[in-house]
Amino acid sequence: MNAISVADLVGALRHDVIQVKAFGNPTQAIRGVELLDCPETEGPAGTGQLLLGVGLDVAHEAAADHALRAAADSASVLAVKCAGQPPDDFLDRARTADVTIICVAPMVAWGRLQRFASTLLATWCGGTEGAPDTVLGGSDLFSLANSVAALVGGAVAVMDTSQTILAYSNLPDQPIDETRRRGILDRRVPLEAIPDHLAEAVWHSESVVRHRRENDMPRLAIVIRAGEDVLGSLWVVFSDDESIPDCEADLRRAAGVAALHMLALRRQVDADQDSRNHALRTALEQPGQEGMGLPLPAVLLVIAHTVATDDNPTASRRSDLLRMLDLFSLDSRSLGHRPSLALVNDRIYALLPTVPRGAVPLTALVQHVRDRAARTLHVSFSTVSTERIDTLSALTHARSDIDSALDHLRASGEKPGSYTTDQLRAELVRQRLLRAVQGDPLLRSGIGDRIFAYDRDHATEFRATLLTYLRHFGDVGTASSALMIHPNTLRQRLRRAQELFDVFLDSAAHRLMLEIELAAAPTPRT
C-alpha cells in the first residue's frame, strides 16, 4: 500500500468531513489504517498507521495515555473525535510522546473516515498537487468506463455491492451479449446472472479474474476496494478468449480510480445522511416544528441498553452507543434502508422510511444488527419499534411511547430483546392513564395519597399489600404467596386497611379506583 503524509490526508479529508485538524508533524507518513477501540487492545500490527480511537475519550487520562503509548510505540498517527480543539493537557502529552494527532468532528462516522483514508492510501501517487493518479478516466465513472474500454479493447461495466450498475462504456462497436444488454437496460445485474456475479473466485481474489458464464462472452473482473472495505467490481466483456489482452496492471489502476469515484458517490449519500440526521434530532428535541424534511411515512426505532453492564455504565455505555451508531448506519444502508439517526441521551433513535423496494424487512434488519452488536461489540442491546408514522405530530407521540416502553423494560428487568410498541400497548396505555391521574387532582379521590402518607410516616406496607391483592383479583392464596406472608396475615392487613382508610373491597368501582390511585402514588422510601 502507498504512503500519504498527514498534511495530504488532512487536505483530502477536508473535502469530505468537517473540522479536520492536525496537531504535530504534518510530513509524517501514514501507510495503513487500523482500529484502536479498547484499552485491552494491543498495539497496531504495523508501523506508520492511522489509529482510529473508536470510543476514546481524550479527557479520560488513563485511556488517552494508553492510546498515545500505542501510537508512539508504532510511530503511528492517532485520530480522535472532539468538538473543536482537543484539551490542552492532552495535546501537551501528545507532544511529549511525539505523537501526531488528527482531530475529526464528533458527528463523522469512523467507518466513513476509514473508507476514505484507506482508498486514498490504495490509490495515492503523490503527484504535483498530491492528487491520485488521474491518467485513467475523467470526471465520473462513465468517463472512466470509456477510458478503460478504449485501453483494453472490451466493454466495461462498474457495479456496486448491491448489483446495481453504476456506469458502463458506450464506445462504438463494443462486444455485447444478452446479459450485458439486459443489465444496461435495467441498470442491475440480471437475476439469473447474480450467482456468477457473486462467485467466490471473484470476490475473494486480490487480482483480475477470468470468468465465463454459459452462453455469454468471456469476461475479466476485478473487485473495487477501499482498503479492506469492498465497494463494488469492474467487469470487462470481450468478444472471445483470443481477444483478451494482458491488462491486469491497467485494470488494477482502473479499480483504484473507480474506488475514488465510488467514494465520492458515497460522500453525496453521507451528506444527505447528515441532513436527515440533523432533521431528526431537531424534530425530537424541538417538537412541533414543521417543514423538517424528514422522510415520512416511516417507523421509529430506538436502540438502548435495558440492563446494567458494568460498575461504571455512563462512559462505557456512551462508547458502546457511538460504536453501535456507526454499525447501524453502515449495515442498514447496505441492506437497502435510508435511516435518519440521532443519539439523544443514552438512546439511538432511527427513523426508517417504510420498507423501500429491495430492502430487507425491518424485523430482519433489527435481528441482523442485534446479532452483529453481540458478535462485534460484545454488547446486547434492546430495540423497540413503533407502528407507521405519517406526520411530525405522530412522531412526537411515537417518541413518548417508545421512551415509556424502554423505561418499562428497564424497570421490570426484561432481558435484551426486540420489542414493538404494539406488543407493549397495554403497558403504554396504563402509563398514560397513571400520568393523567398524577397530573389531575380531579381524577383522584385522595385515598392513594392517604395510604402513601401513612406508609411513609409509620413504615407500614399497606400500599404494596393492597396493590398485590388487587392485581391477583382478590385471591388471598396467590397474593399472600407473592408477598411471602401467611394468608391470615394478609387478611389481617386487609381488615386493618378497611378500618384506617374506609376501603370498600366489595365494590368493583372502588377496587378499580383504588388500584389506579395506588399505582399512580409514589413508592415510599424505606
Protein backbone atom coordinates (compact mmCIF):
# COMPACT_ATOMS: atom_id res chain seq x y z
CA MET A 1 0.00 0.00 0.00
CA ASN A 2 1.18 3.56 -0.69
CA ALA A 3 2.04 6.13 1.95
CA ILE A 4 0.48 9.56 2.38
CA SER A 5 1.59 12.46 4.54
CA VAL A 6 -0.55 13.81 7.35
CA ALA A 7 -0.85 17.14 5.51
CA ASP A 8 -2.03 15.49 2.28
CA LEU A 9 -4.51 13.26 4.14
CA VAL A 10 -6.00 16.18 6.05
CA GLY A 11 -6.19 18.24 2.86
CA ALA A 12 -8.16 15.47 1.15
CA LEU A 13 -10.38 14.80 4.16
CA ARG A 14 -11.49 18.42 4.30
CA HIS A 15 -13.47 17.78 1.15
CA ASP A 16 -15.37 15.01 2.89
CA VAL A 17 -15.70 15.81 6.58
CA ILE A 18 -15.70 18.96 8.65
CA GLN A 19 -13.44 20.27 11.42
CA VAL A 20 -10.44 18.15 10.45
CA LYS A 21 -7.28 19.40 12.13
CA ALA A 22 -3.78 18.03 12.62
CA PHE A 23 -1.52 18.68 15.61
CA GLY A 24 2.11 17.60 15.28
CA ASN A 25 4.31 16.67 12.33
CA PRO A 26 2.49 17.39 9.02
CA THR A 27 5.06 15.43 6.99
CA GLN A 28 4.69 12.19 8.96
CA ALA A 29 3.86 9.29 6.64
CA ILE A 30 0.77 7.09 7.06
CA ARG A 31 0.86 3.63 5.49
CA GLY A 32 -2.34 2.00 6.77
CA VAL A 33 -5.49 2.37 8.85
CA GLU A 34 -6.23 0.38 12.00
CA LEU A 35 -8.70 0.49 14.88
CA LEU A 36 -7.67 1.15 18.46
CA ASP A 37 -11.01 0.60 20.10
CA CYS A 38 -10.48 -0.51 23.70
CA PRO A 39 -7.85 -0.30 26.49
CA GLU A 40 -7.14 -4.05 26.20
CA THR A 41 -6.18 -3.79 22.51
CA GLU A 42 -2.53 -4.42 21.78
CA GLY A 43 -0.58 -2.04 19.55
CA PRO A 44 -1.14 -1.99 15.78
CA ALA A 45 0.15 -4.77 13.59
CA GLY A 46 2.46 -2.43 11.66
CA THR A 47 4.21 0.90 11.95
CA GLY A 48 3.09 4.20 10.46
CA GLN A 49 -0.63 3.53 10.88
CA LEU A 50 -3.56 5.90 11.25
CA LEU A 51 -5.00 4.65 14.54
CA LEU A 52 -8.74 5.32 14.85
CA GLY A 53 -9.54 5.94 18.50
CA VAL A 54 -13.04 4.45 18.42
CA GLY A 55 -14.78 5.21 21.72
CA LEU A 56 -11.73 7.07 23.07
CA ASP A 57 -12.47 9.92 25.47
CA VAL A 58 -9.48 12.26 25.22
CA ALA A 59 -10.44 13.76 28.59
CA HIS A 60 -10.02 10.34 30.26
CA GLU A 61 -6.36 10.42 31.25
CA ALA A 62 -5.69 6.68 31.54
CA ALA A 63 -7.41 5.78 28.25
CA ALA A 64 -5.75 8.69 26.43
CA ASP A 65 -2.30 7.73 27.75
CA HIS A 66 -2.81 4.13 26.57
CA ALA A 67 -3.72 5.35 23.08
CA LEU A 68 -0.73 7.72 22.97
CA ARG A 69 1.64 4.94 24.05
CA ALA A 70 0.30 2.63 21.34
CA ALA A 71 0.77 5.37 18.72
CA ALA A 72 4.25 6.29 19.93
CA ASP A 73 5.45 2.67 20.07
CA SER A 74 4.43 2.12 16.44
CA ALA A 75 5.32 5.57 15.05
CA SER A 76 1.63 5.98 14.18
CA VAL A 77 -0.77 8.91 13.96
CA LEU A 78 -3.73 8.95 16.36
CA ALA A 79 -7.19 10.04 15.13
CA VAL A 80 -9.62 11.25 17.81
CA LYS A 81 -13.07 12.79 17.90
CA CYS A 82 -13.81 16.00 19.73
CA ALA A 83 -15.67 19.23 19.15
CA GLY A 84 -13.20 21.99 18.38
CA GLN A 85 -9.66 21.62 19.66
CA PRO A 86 -8.63 18.74 21.99
CA PRO A 87 -7.87 19.67 25.61
CA ASP A 88 -4.52 21.41 26.09
CA ASP A 89 -3.26 18.80 28.56
CA PHE A 90 -3.96 16.02 26.03
CA LEU A 91 -2.05 17.91 23.32
CA ASP A 92 0.80 18.52 25.76
CA ARG A 93 1.05 14.78 26.48
CA ALA A 94 0.89 14.07 22.71
CA ARG A 95 3.80 16.47 22.08
CA THR A 96 5.78 14.88 24.90
CA ALA A 97 5.16 11.44 23.36
CA ASP A 98 6.00 12.80 19.88
CA VAL A 99 2.60 11.65 18.56
CA THR A 100 0.79 13.48 15.76
CA ILE A 101 -2.95 13.91 16.33
CA ILE A 102 -5.71 14.16 13.71
CA CYS A 103 -8.93 15.53 15.17
CA VAL A 104 -12.30 14.99 13.45
CA ALA A 105 -15.76 16.26 14.31
CA PRO A 106 -17.86 14.03 16.62
CA MET A 107 -20.60 13.53 14.01
CA VAL A 108 -18.20 11.96 11.49
CA ALA A 109 -18.69 8.17 11.39
CA TRP A 110 -15.49 6.19 11.95
CA GLY A 111 -16.45 3.88 9.09
CA ARG A 112 -16.64 6.88 6.78
CA LEU A 113 -13.17 8.07 7.79
CA GLN A 114 -11.72 4.57 7.49
CA ARG A 115 -13.12 4.05 3.98
CA PHE A 116 -11.85 7.34 2.63
CA ALA A 117 -8.39 7.13 4.18
CA SER A 118 -7.97 3.52 3.03
CA THR A 119 -8.97 4.42 -0.53
CA LEU A 120 -6.54 7.34 -0.64
CA LEU A 121 -3.76 5.05 0.55
CA ALA A 122 -4.66 2.47 -2.09
CA THR A 123 -4.54 5.00 -4.95
CA TRP A 124 -2.15 7.76 -3.81
CA CYS A 125 0.73 8.52 -6.14
CA GLY A 126 1.94 11.85 -4.75
CA GLY A 127 1.53 13.96 -7.90
CA THR A 128 2.43 17.57 -8.23
CA GLU A 129 -0.53 18.56 -6.12
CA GLY A 130 -0.72 15.42 -4.06
CA ALA A 131 -3.59 14.10 -6.17
CA PRO A 132 -4.36 10.49 -7.02
CA ASP A 133 -3.39 9.05 -10.40
CA THR A 134 -5.73 10.53 -12.98
CA VAL A 135 -4.29 9.07 -16.20
CA LEU A 136 -7.39 6.90 -16.44
CA GLY A 137 -10.89 8.26 -16.54
CA GLY A 138 -12.34 11.70 -16.23
CA SER A 139 -14.81 13.45 -14.04
CA ASP A 140 -17.15 10.49 -13.48
CA LEU A 141 -17.47 6.71 -13.64
CA PHE A 142 -18.84 6.78 -17.21
CA SER A 143 -15.71 8.58 -18.43
CA LEU A 144 -13.58 6.05 -16.57
CA ALA A 145 -15.51 3.16 -18.14
CA ASN A 146 -14.93 4.56 -21.64
CA SER A 147 -11.22 5.17 -20.94
CA VAL A 148 -10.72 1.59 -19.75
CA ALA A 149 -12.73 0.19 -22.67
CA ALA A 150 -10.59 2.09 -25.18
CA LEU A 151 -7.41 0.98 -23.41
CA VAL A 152 -8.11 -2.78 -23.18
CA GLY A 153 -10.49 -3.25 -26.12
CA GLY A 154 -13.51 -4.58 -24.22
CA ALA A 155 -16.89 -3.37 -22.95
CA VAL A 156 -16.75 -2.13 -19.34
CA ALA A 157 -19.37 -2.07 -16.57
CA VAL A 158 -18.94 -0.85 -12.97
CA MET A 159 -21.24 -2.29 -10.28
CA ASP A 160 -21.70 -1.75 -6.55
CA THR A 161 -22.17 -4.44 -3.91
CA SER A 162 -25.96 -4.43 -4.33
CA GLN A 163 -25.56 -5.44 -8.01
CA THR A 164 -26.58 -2.00 -9.28
CA ILE A 165 -24.76 -1.00 -12.48
CA LEU A 166 -23.37 2.45 -11.75
CA ALA A 167 -21.70 3.07 -15.12
CA TYR A 168 -20.85 1.37 -18.41
CA SER A 169 -18.81 2.16 -21.53
CA ASN A 170 -20.66 3.22 -24.69
CA LEU A 171 -17.98 3.27 -27.38
CA PRO A 172 -18.93 2.19 -30.94
CA ASP A 173 -18.69 -1.48 -31.94
CA GLN A 174 -18.21 -2.83 -28.41
CA PRO A 175 -18.80 -6.54 -27.78
CA ILE A 176 -22.18 -7.19 -26.17
CA ASP A 177 -24.17 -10.24 -25.12
CA GLU A 178 -27.66 -10.69 -23.67
CA THR A 179 -26.53 -10.38 -20.03
CA ARG A 180 -24.82 -7.05 -20.70
CA ARG A 181 -27.74 -5.80 -22.79
CA ARG A 182 -30.29 -6.58 -20.06
CA GLY A 183 -28.04 -5.23 -17.32
CA ILE A 184 -27.69 -1.86 -19.08
CA LEU A 185 -31.43 -1.62 -19.73
CA ASP A 186 -32.35 -2.44 -16.10
CA ARG A 187 -29.23 -0.86 -14.53
CA ARG A 188 -28.93 -4.05 -12.47
CA VAL A 189 -27.22 -7.40 -12.85
CA PRO A 190 -29.87 -9.75 -14.34
CA LEU A 191 -31.33 -12.08 -11.72
CA GLU A 192 -30.11 -15.27 -13.38
CA ALA A 193 -26.56 -13.88 -13.61
CA ILE A 194 -26.25 -12.88 -9.94
CA PRO A 195 -24.79 -16.26 -8.81
CA ASP A 196 -21.98 -15.78 -11.36
CA HIS A 197 -21.57 -12.15 -10.38
CA LEU A 198 -21.17 -13.17 -6.72
CA ALA A 199 -18.79 -16.07 -7.43
CA GLU A 200 -16.29 -16.51 -4.58
CA ALA A 201 -13.44 -16.78 -7.07
CA VAL A 202 -14.12 -13.15 -8.00
CA TRP A 203 -14.88 -11.53 -4.65
CA HIS A 204 -12.14 -13.26 -2.67
CA SER A 205 -9.43 -12.54 -5.20
CA GLU A 206 -6.87 -9.76 -4.91
CA SER A 207 -6.18 -9.83 -8.66
CA VAL A 208 -8.00 -9.89 -12.00
CA VAL A 209 -10.15 -13.00 -12.52
CA ARG A 210 -11.27 -14.51 -15.82
CA HIS A 211 -14.91 -15.62 -15.74
CA ARG A 212 -17.32 -17.01 -18.31
CA ARG A 213 -20.99 -17.78 -17.89
CA GLU A 214 -22.63 -20.34 -20.19
CA ASN A 215 -23.89 -18.73 -23.44
CA ASP A 216 -22.13 -15.44 -22.57
CA MET A 217 -18.96 -13.83 -23.83
CA PRO A 218 -15.81 -14.12 -21.68
CA ARG A 219 -15.16 -11.50 -19.01
CA LEU A 220 -12.40 -10.17 -16.79
CA ALA A 221 -13.41 -8.97 -13.33
CA ILE A 222 -11.65 -7.11 -10.53
CA VAL A 223 -13.01 -6.12 -7.14
CA ILE A 224 -13.05 -2.41 -6.23
CA ARG A 225 -11.86 -1.92 -2.66
CA ALA A 226 -11.30 0.90 -0.20
CA GLY A 227 -8.68 -0.74 1.95
CA GLU A 228 -10.46 -3.80 3.36
CA ASP A 229 -13.88 -2.44 2.51
CA VAL A 230 -15.40 -3.76 -0.75
CA LEU A 231 -17.17 -1.05 -2.76
CA GLY A 232 -18.07 -3.00 -5.91
CA SER A 233 -16.50 -4.54 -9.01
CA LEU A 234 -15.37 -3.71 -12.54
CA TRP A 235 -16.15 -6.13 -15.40
CA VAL A 236 -14.87 -6.15 -18.99
CA VAL A 237 -16.59 -8.14 -21.76
CA PHE A 238 -14.50 -9.44 -24.69
CA SER A 239 -15.76 -10.93 -27.95
CA ASP A 240 -13.73 -14.15 -27.48
CA ASP A 241 -10.89 -15.60 -25.40
CA GLU A 242 -8.28 -14.77 -28.04
CA SER A 243 -9.09 -11.06 -27.86
CA ILE A 244 -8.32 -10.77 -24.12
CA PRO A 245 -5.03 -8.85 -23.69
CA ASP A 246 -2.60 -8.84 -20.79
CA CYS A 247 -4.20 -5.91 -18.98
CA GLU A 248 -4.05 -6.74 -15.27
CA ALA A 249 -1.96 -3.68 -14.40
CA ASP A 250 -4.38 -1.41 -16.27
CA LEU A 251 -7.42 -2.91 -14.56
CA ARG A 252 -5.78 -2.62 -11.14
CA ARG A 253 -5.20 1.09 -11.75
CA ALA A 254 -8.75 1.45 -13.04
CA ALA A 255 -10.14 -0.20 -9.90
CA GLY A 256 -8.21 2.26 -7.76
CA VAL A 257 -9.57 5.27 -9.64
CA ALA A 258 -13.07 3.75 -9.60
CA ALA A 259 -12.82 3.47 -5.81
CA LEU A 260 -12.32 7.23 -5.54
CA HIS A 261 -15.29 7.90 -7.83
CA MET A 262 -17.46 5.49 -5.85
CA LEU A 263 -16.35 7.04 -2.60
CA ALA A 264 -17.37 10.43 -3.99
CA LEU A 265 -20.82 8.97 -4.62
CA ARG A 266 -20.84 7.74 -1.05
CA ARG A 267 -19.93 11.22 0.15
CA GLN A 268 -23.07 12.53 -1.52
CA VAL A 269 -25.02 9.86 0.33
CA ASP A 270 -23.24 10.81 3.56
CA ALA A 271 -24.11 14.49 3.09
CA ASP A 272 -27.75 13.51 2.66
CA GLN A 273 -27.41 11.31 5.74
CA ASP A 274 -26.08 14.24 7.78
CA SER A 275 -29.02 16.39 6.69
CA ARG A 276 -31.55 13.73 7.66
CA ASN A 277 -29.82 13.12 10.99
CA HIS A 278 -29.97 16.83 11.83
CA ALA A 279 -33.66 16.97 10.88
CA LEU A 280 -34.49 14.02 13.15
CA ARG A 281 -32.58 15.44 16.12
CA THR A 282 -34.34 18.79 15.70
CA ALA A 283 -37.74 17.09 15.48
CA LEU A 284 -37.04 15.08 18.64
CA GLU A 285 -35.63 17.96 20.68
CA GLN A 286 -37.92 20.72 19.37
CA PRO A 287 -41.27 19.02 18.75
CA GLY A 288 -43.91 20.99 16.91
CA GLN A 289 -41.66 22.48 14.23
CA GLU A 290 -42.93 21.89 10.72
CA GLY A 291 -41.12 21.51 7.43
CA MET A 292 -38.28 19.36 8.73
CA GLY A 293 -37.97 17.40 5.50
CA LEU A 294 -37.99 14.07 7.29
CA PRO A 295 -38.86 11.06 5.11
CA LEU A 296 -42.40 10.09 6.08
CA PRO A 297 -44.19 7.72 6.34
CA ALA A 298 -41.67 5.88 8.47
CA VAL A 299 -41.15 3.70 11.53
CA LEU A 300 -39.30 4.97 14.63
CA LEU A 301 -36.85 2.51 16.15
CA VAL A 302 -34.88 3.02 19.36
CA ILE A 303 -31.74 1.12 20.38
CA ALA A 304 -30.60 1.17 24.00
CA HIS A 305 -29.27 -0.78 26.95
CA THR A 306 -32.02 -2.09 29.21
CA VAL A 307 -29.80 -3.68 31.86
CA ALA A 308 -26.63 -2.55 33.62
CA THR A 309 -23.45 -3.97 32.08
CA ASP A 310 -20.71 -2.84 34.47
CA ASP A 311 -19.89 -0.81 37.54
CA ASN A 312 -19.29 2.39 35.58
CA PRO A 313 -22.06 2.40 32.99
CA THR A 314 -22.09 6.02 31.86
CA ALA A 315 -18.77 6.19 29.97
CA SER A 316 -18.82 2.63 28.66
CA ARG A 317 -22.44 2.83 27.53
CA ARG A 318 -21.75 6.05 25.65
CA SER A 319 -18.83 4.36 23.88
CA ASP A 320 -20.98 1.31 23.06
CA LEU A 321 -23.74 3.51 21.66
CA LEU A 322 -21.35 5.54 19.48
CA ARG A 323 -19.95 2.34 18.00
CA MET A 324 -23.46 0.96 17.57
CA LEU A 325 -24.46 4.17 15.77
CA ASP A 326 -21.70 3.61 13.21
CA LEU A 327 -22.58 -0.06 12.83
CA PHE A 328 -26.30 0.59 12.37
CA SER A 329 -25.69 3.36 9.84
CA LEU A 330 -23.44 1.19 7.68
CA ASP A 331 -25.40 -2.05 7.90
CA SER A 332 -28.87 -0.57 7.45
CA ARG A 333 -27.75 1.26 4.30
CA SER A 334 -26.12 -1.90 2.93
CA LEU A 335 -29.43 -3.72 3.46
CA GLY A 336 -31.44 -1.16 1.49
CA HIS A 337 -32.65 1.28 4.18
CA ARG A 338 -32.02 5.03 4.44
CA PRO A 339 -32.35 5.81 8.16
CA SER A 340 -32.27 9.17 9.88
CA LEU A 341 -30.25 8.75 13.09
CA ALA A 342 -29.89 10.68 16.34
CA LEU A 343 -28.13 9.80 19.59
CA VAL A 344 -30.08 11.55 22.35
CA ASN A 345 -29.02 10.97 25.95
CA ASP A 346 -28.47 7.21 26.17
CA ARG A 347 -30.64 6.12 23.25
CA ILE A 348 -30.21 5.82 19.48
CA TYR A 349 -33.31 6.89 17.54
CA ALA A 350 -33.62 5.68 13.96
CA LEU A 351 -36.37 6.86 11.63
CA LEU A 352 -36.72 4.30 8.82
CA PRO A 353 -38.91 5.10 5.81
CA THR A 354 -41.47 2.35 5.28
CA VAL A 355 -39.66 -0.54 3.65
CA PRO A 356 -38.26 0.71 0.34
CA ARG A 357 -38.15 -1.53 -2.68
CA GLY A 358 -35.39 -4.10 -2.42
CA ALA A 359 -34.73 -3.56 1.30
CA VAL A 360 -34.85 -6.35 3.85
CA PRO A 361 -37.87 -6.31 6.22
CA LEU A 362 -37.48 -4.29 9.41
CA THR A 363 -37.58 -7.42 11.59
CA ALA A 364 -34.69 -8.93 9.60
CA LEU A 365 -32.70 -5.68 9.84
CA VAL A 366 -33.20 -5.50 13.62
CA GLN A 367 -32.17 -9.12 14.14
CA HIS A 368 -29.11 -8.68 11.92
CA VAL A 369 -27.94 -5.56 13.76
CA ARG A 370 -28.51 -7.07 17.22
CA ASP A 371 -26.56 -10.19 16.21
CA ARG A 372 -23.73 -8.05 14.81
CA ALA A 373 -23.60 -5.95 18.00
CA ALA A 374 -23.37 -9.06 20.16
CA ARG A 375 -20.69 -10.59 17.95
CA THR A 376 -18.63 -7.48 17.18
CA LEU A 377 -19.18 -5.14 20.13
CA HIS A 378 -19.85 -7.88 22.71
CA VAL A 379 -22.86 -5.91 23.93
CA SER A 380 -26.56 -6.82 23.97
CA PHE A 381 -28.99 -4.03 23.12
CA SER A 382 -32.76 -3.88 23.22
CA THR A 383 -34.78 -2.40 20.38
CA VAL A 384 -38.32 -1.02 20.40
CA SER A 385 -40.09 -0.06 17.17
CA THR A 386 -43.34 1.80 16.58
CA GLU A 387 -46.11 1.42 14.09
CA ARG A 388 -46.15 3.53 10.92
CA ILE A 389 -45.75 7.29 11.46
CA ASP A 390 -47.26 9.69 8.91
CA THR A 391 -46.85 13.16 10.48
CA LEU A 392 -44.44 15.10 12.68
CA SER A 393 -47.05 15.28 15.45
CA ALA A 394 -47.35 11.49 15.30
CA LEU A 395 -43.54 11.33 15.61
CA THR A 396 -43.74 13.26 18.89
CA HIS A 397 -46.32 10.81 20.29
CA ALA A 398 -44.30 7.85 19.00
CA ARG A 399 -41.17 9.14 20.75
CA SER A 400 -43.14 9.41 24.02
CA ASP A 401 -44.46 5.86 23.61
CA ILE A 402 -41.06 4.42 22.76
CA ASP A 403 -39.41 6.13 25.75
CA SER A 404 -42.13 4.83 28.06
CA ALA A 405 -41.68 1.35 26.65
CA LEU A 406 -37.93 1.44 27.33
CA ASP A 407 -38.47 2.79 30.84
CA HIS A 408 -40.84 -0.10 31.48
CA LEU A 409 -38.36 -2.67 30.12
CA ARG A 410 -35.61 -1.29 32.34
CA ALA A 411 -37.77 -1.07 35.44
CA SER A 412 -39.10 -4.61 35.01
CA GLY A 413 -35.63 -6.04 34.37
CA GLU A 414 -36.52 -7.55 31.00
CA LYS A 415 -33.71 -9.27 29.11
CA PRO A 416 -32.35 -7.53 26.00
CA GLY A 417 -34.56 -8.28 23.00
CA SER A 418 -36.61 -6.88 20.14
CA TYR A 419 -39.96 -5.35 21.07
CA THR A 420 -42.68 -3.31 19.40
CA THR A 421 -44.93 -0.68 20.93
CA ASP A 422 -47.85 -2.82 19.77
CA GLN A 423 -46.63 -5.70 21.94
CA LEU A 424 -46.32 -3.30 24.89
CA ARG A 425 -49.58 -1.46 24.14
CA ALA A 426 -51.34 -2.43 27.37
CA GLU A 427 -48.44 -1.16 29.48
CA LEU A 428 -48.22 2.07 27.45
CA VAL A 429 -51.94 2.76 27.90
CA ARG A 430 -51.58 2.02 31.63
CA GLN A 431 -48.72 4.52 31.93
CA ARG A 432 -50.71 7.19 30.08
CA LEU A 433 -53.61 6.61 32.48
CA LEU A 434 -51.33 6.85 35.52
CA ARG A 435 -49.74 10.08 34.24
CA ALA A 436 -53.19 11.55 33.73
CA VAL A 437 -54.20 10.62 37.27
CA GLN A 438 -50.95 12.01 38.70
CA GLY A 439 -51.38 15.30 36.86
CA ASP A 440 -55.06 15.98 37.57
CA PRO A 441 -56.32 16.09 41.19
CA LEU A 442 -59.89 15.85 39.89
CA LEU A 443 -59.15 12.29 38.73
CA ARG A 444 -58.17 11.22 42.27
CA SER A 445 -60.31 10.60 45.33
CA GLY A 446 -57.29 11.07 47.59
CA ILE A 447 -57.23 7.57 49.04
CA GLY A 448 -53.94 6.68 47.31
CA ASP A 449 -52.30 9.81 48.74
CA ARG A 450 -53.56 8.99 52.25
CA ILE A 451 -52.24 5.42 52.11
CA PHE A 452 -48.90 6.64 50.76
CA ALA A 453 -48.59 9.20 53.58
CA TYR A 454 -49.49 6.61 56.23
CA ASP A 455 -46.89 4.12 54.95
CA ARG A 456 -44.28 6.87 54.88
CA ASP A 457 -44.99 8.03 58.43
CA HIS A 458 -45.49 4.59 60.05
CA ALA A 459 -43.13 2.37 57.97
CA THR A 460 -46.06 0.13 57.01
CA GLU A 461 -46.74 -1.65 53.70
CA PHE A 462 -50.44 -1.10 53.07
CA ARG A 463 -49.84 0.20 49.51
CA ALA A 464 -47.88 -2.88 48.44
CA THR A 465 -50.32 -5.21 50.22
CA LEU A 466 -53.43 -3.74 48.63
CA LEU A 467 -51.86 -3.49 45.15
CA THR A 468 -50.75 -7.12 45.22
CA TYR A 469 -54.16 -8.26 46.45
CA LEU A 470 -55.97 -6.31 43.73
CA ARG A 471 -53.59 -7.45 40.96
CA HIS A 472 -54.26 -11.06 41.93
CA PHE A 473 -58.01 -10.46 41.60
CA GLY A 474 -58.68 -10.85 45.32
CA ASP A 475 -57.16 -14.35 45.55
CA VAL A 476 -55.73 -14.44 49.08
CA GLY A 477 -53.63 -17.55 48.45
CA THR A 478 -51.70 -16.27 45.41
CA ALA A 479 -51.45 -12.72 46.79
CA SER A 480 -50.01 -13.91 50.12
CA SER A 481 -47.51 -16.10 48.24
CA ALA A 482 -46.41 -13.12 46.16
CA LEU A 483 -45.99 -11.05 49.34
CA MET A 484 -44.32 -14.00 51.11
CA ILE A 485 -46.63 -13.75 54.13
CA HIS A 486 -49.17 -16.11 55.67
CA PRO A 487 -52.73 -15.85 54.27
CA ASN A 488 -54.03 -14.94 57.74
CA THR A 489 -51.52 -12.08 57.93
CA LEU A 490 -52.84 -10.79 54.61
CA ARG A 491 -56.45 -10.99 55.84
CA GLN A 492 -55.49 -9.04 58.99
CA ARG A 493 -53.83 -6.31 56.92
CA LEU A 494 -56.87 -6.03 54.64
CA ARG A 495 -59.19 -5.64 57.65
CA ARG A 496 -56.88 -3.03 59.15
CA ALA A 497 -56.76 -1.13 55.83
CA GLN A 498 -60.57 -1.07 55.70
CA GLU A 499 -60.66 0.37 59.21
CA LEU A 500 -57.97 3.02 58.59
CA PHE A 501 -58.86 4.20 55.09
CA ASP A 502 -62.52 3.30 54.53
CA VAL A 503 -61.54 0.89 51.75
CA PHE A 504 -64.54 -0.86 50.13
CA LEU A 505 -63.13 -4.03 48.60
CA ASP A 506 -66.59 -5.43 47.81
CA SER A 507 -67.28 -2.69 45.25
CA ALA A 508 -65.89 -3.18 41.70
CA ALA A 509 -65.76 0.60 41.11
CA HIS A 510 -63.90 1.19 44.38
CA ARG A 511 -61.43 -1.61 43.61
CA LEU A 512 -60.66 -0.11 40.16
CA MET A 513 -60.28 3.39 41.60
CA LEU A 514 -58.09 2.10 44.43
CA GLU A 515 -55.74 0.15 42.13
CA ILE A 516 -55.26 3.12 39.78
CA GLU A 517 -54.57 5.58 42.60
CA LEU A 518 -52.19 3.23 44.41
CA ALA A 519 -50.27 2.58 41.19
CA ALA A 520 -50.09 6.32 40.48
CA ALA A 521 -48.89 7.16 44.01
CA PRO A 522 -45.12 7.38 44.55
CA THR A 523 -43.37 4.43 46.14
CA PRO A 524 -42.49 5.19 49.80
CA ARG A 525 -38.76 5.35 50.52
CA THR A 526 -37.52 2.96 53.15
